[in-house]
Amino acid sequence: MDTVHLDVAQGSALLDAPAHLSDYRTILDRTEELSLSPSDTRDLVCSIVAEL
């Protein structure tokens, strides 16, 4: 990751400082660790739809 693009109230911002990029890499890595697999996501969505 070389830059982070943010949409903010005042427009957009690009972050490219190593410290900022490191923070966002950490956040993305953690999000990936906590995310369901595609198959588990599909099963979850199907179970929710079946309950409707």
N, C-alpha and C. Protein backbone atom coordinates (compact mmCIF):
# COMPACT_ATOMS: atom_id res chain seq x y z
N MET A 1 0.86 -1.16 0.00
CA MET A 1 0.00 0.00 0.00
C MET A 1 0.91 1.23 0.00
N ASP A 2 0.70 2.09 -1.00
CA ASP A 2 1.52 3.29 -1.10
C ASP A 2 0.80 4.54 -0.61
N THR A 3 -0.53 4.54 -0.74
CA THR A 3 -1.32 5.68 -0.28
C THR A 3 -2.66 5.19 0.26
N VAL A 4 -3.26 6.03 1.09
CA VAL A 4 -4.62 5.79 1.58
C VAL A 4 -5.45 6.97 1.13
N HIS A 5 -6.57 6.70 0.49
CA HIS A 5 -7.48 7.75 0.03
C HIS A 5 -8.65 7.81 0.99
N LEU A 6 -8.90 8.98 1.56
CA LEU A 6 -10.01 9.18 2.48
C LEU A 6 -11.00 10.17 1.90
N ASP A 7 -12.28 9.86 2.00
CA ASP A 7 -13.33 10.83 1.67
C ASP A 7 -13.76 11.46 2.99
N VAL A 8 -13.58 12.76 3.08
CA VAL A 8 -13.92 13.49 4.29
C VAL A 8 -14.89 14.62 3.94
N ALA A 9 -15.48 15.22 4.95
CA ALA A 9 -16.49 16.27 4.73
C ALA A 9 -15.95 17.40 3.85
N GLN A 10 -14.68 17.71 3.97
CA GLN A 10 -14.10 18.82 3.21
C GLN A 10 -13.61 18.40 1.83
N GLY A 11 -13.79 17.16 1.45
CA GLY A 11 -13.32 16.68 0.15
C GLY A 11 -12.63 15.34 0.31
N SER A 12 -11.46 15.22 -0.24
CA SER A 12 -10.72 13.97 -0.10
C SER A 12 -9.31 14.26 0.40
N ALA A 13 -8.70 13.23 0.94
CA ALA A 13 -7.34 13.36 1.45
C ALA A 13 -6.56 12.11 1.06
N LEU A 14 -5.31 12.30 0.72
CA LEU A 14 -4.40 11.19 0.44
C LEU A 14 -3.34 11.17 1.52
N LEU A 15 -3.18 10.02 2.14
CA LEU A 15 -2.16 9.86 3.16
C LEU A 15 -1.05 8.98 2.59
N ASP A 16 0.18 9.42 2.76
CA ASP A 16 1.29 8.61 2.27
C ASP A 16 2.45 8.54 3.25
N ALA A 17 2.28 9.10 4.45
CA ALA A 17 3.33 9.03 5.46
C ALA A 17 3.45 7.59 5.97
N PRO A 18 4.66 7.11 6.14
CA PRO A 18 4.84 5.73 6.60
C PRO A 18 4.05 5.38 7.86
N ALA A 19 3.98 6.28 8.83
CA ALA A 19 3.24 5.99 10.07
C ALA A 19 1.75 5.81 9.79
N HIS A 20 1.18 6.66 8.94
CA HIS A 20 -0.24 6.53 8.59
C HIS A 20 -0.49 5.22 7.85
N LEU A 21 0.38 4.90 6.90
CA LEU A 21 0.21 3.67 6.13
C LEU A 21 0.32 2.45 7.02
N SER A 22 1.21 2.49 7.97
CA SER A 22 1.36 1.38 8.91
C SER A 22 0.07 1.18 9.72
N ASP A 23 -0.52 2.29 10.17
CA ASP A 23 -1.78 2.21 10.92
C ASP A 23 -2.87 1.57 10.08
N TYR A 24 -3.00 1.98 8.84
CA TYR A 24 -4.04 1.44 7.97
C TYR A 24 -3.77 -0.01 7.60
N ARG A 25 -2.50 -0.38 7.41
CA ARG A 25 -2.17 -1.79 7.16
C ARG A 25 -2.60 -2.65 8.34
N THR A 26 -2.35 -2.16 9.55
CA THR A 26 -2.74 -2.89 10.76
C THR A 26 -4.25 -3.06 10.82
N ILE A 27 -4.98 -2.00 10.51
CA ILE A 27 -6.44 -2.05 10.53
C ILE A 27 -6.94 -3.05 9.48
N LEU A 28 -6.40 -2.99 8.28
CA LEU A 28 -6.84 -3.90 7.22
C LEU A 28 -6.49 -5.35 7.54
N ASP A 29 -5.32 -5.57 8.10
CA ASP A 29 -4.93 -6.93 8.48
C ASP A 29 -5.87 -7.48 9.53
N ARG A 30 -6.21 -6.67 10.51
CA ARG A 30 -7.11 -7.12 11.59
C ARG A 30 -8.51 -7.38 11.03
N THR A 31 -8.97 -6.53 10.15
CA THR A 31 -10.28 -6.71 9.53
C THR A 31 -10.32 -8.03 8.76
N GLU A 32 -9.26 -8.31 8.03
CA GLU A 32 -9.19 -9.56 7.27
C GLU A 32 -9.21 -10.77 8.21
N GLU A 33 -8.51 -10.67 9.33
CA GLU A 33 -8.49 -11.77 10.30
C GLU A 33 -9.88 -12.05 10.87
N LEU A 34 -10.66 -10.99 11.07
CA LEU A 34 -11.98 -11.12 11.71
C LEU A 34 -13.10 -11.43 10.73
N SER A 35 -12.84 -11.28 9.44
CA SER A 35 -13.87 -11.45 8.43
C SER A 35 -14.20 -12.93 8.21
N LEU A 36 -15.45 -13.16 7.86
CA LEU A 36 -15.87 -14.51 7.48
C LEU A 36 -15.30 -14.85 6.10
N SER A 37 -15.15 -16.11 5.85
CA SER A 37 -14.73 -16.56 4.52
C SER A 37 -15.90 -16.31 3.56
N PRO A 38 -15.65 -16.31 2.25
CA PRO A 38 -16.75 -16.14 1.30
C PRO A 38 -17.86 -17.18 1.50
N SER A 39 -17.47 -18.41 1.75
CA SER A 39 -18.47 -19.46 1.96
C SER A 39 -19.28 -19.22 3.23
N ASP A 40 -18.61 -18.85 4.30
CA ASP A 40 -19.32 -18.58 5.56
C ASP A 40 -20.21 -17.34 5.43
N THR A 41 -19.76 -16.36 4.68
CA THR A 41 -20.58 -15.17 4.45
C THR A 41 -21.85 -15.53 3.69
N ARG A 42 -21.70 -16.34 2.64
CA ARG A 42 -22.85 -16.78 1.86
C ARG A 42 -23.83 -17.54 2.75
N ASP A 43 -23.32 -18.44 3.60
CA ASP A 43 -24.18 -19.20 4.50
C ASP A 43 -24.91 -18.27 5.47
N LEU A 44 -24.22 -17.29 6.00
CA LEU A 44 -24.84 -16.34 6.92
C LEU A 44 -25.96 -15.56 6.24
N VAL A 45 -25.69 -15.05 5.06
CA VAL A 45 -26.70 -14.30 4.32
C VAL A 45 -27.91 -15.18 4.01
N CYS A 46 -27.66 -16.39 3.58
CA CYS A 46 -28.76 -17.31 3.28
C CYS A 46 -29.59 -17.61 4.52
N SER A 47 -28.96 -17.77 5.67
CA SER A 47 -29.71 -18.04 6.89
C SER A 47 -30.54 -16.83 7.31
N ILE A 48 -30.01 -15.63 7.10
CA ILE A 48 -30.77 -14.43 7.42
C ILE A 48 -31.98 -14.30 6.50
N VAL A 49 -31.77 -14.53 5.21
CA VAL A 49 -32.86 -14.46 4.23
C VAL A 49 -33.94 -15.49 4.58
N ALA A 50 -33.54 -16.67 4.99
CA ALA A 50 -34.50 -17.73 5.32
C ALA A 50 -35.35 -17.36 6.52
N GLU A 51 -34.83 -16.51 7.38
CA GLU A 51 -35.58 -16.08 8.57
C GLU A 51 -36.57 -14.96 8.26
N LEU A 52 -36.48 -14.35 7.12
CA LEU A 52 -37.37 -13.22 6.78
C LEU A 52 -38.74 -13.67 6.39
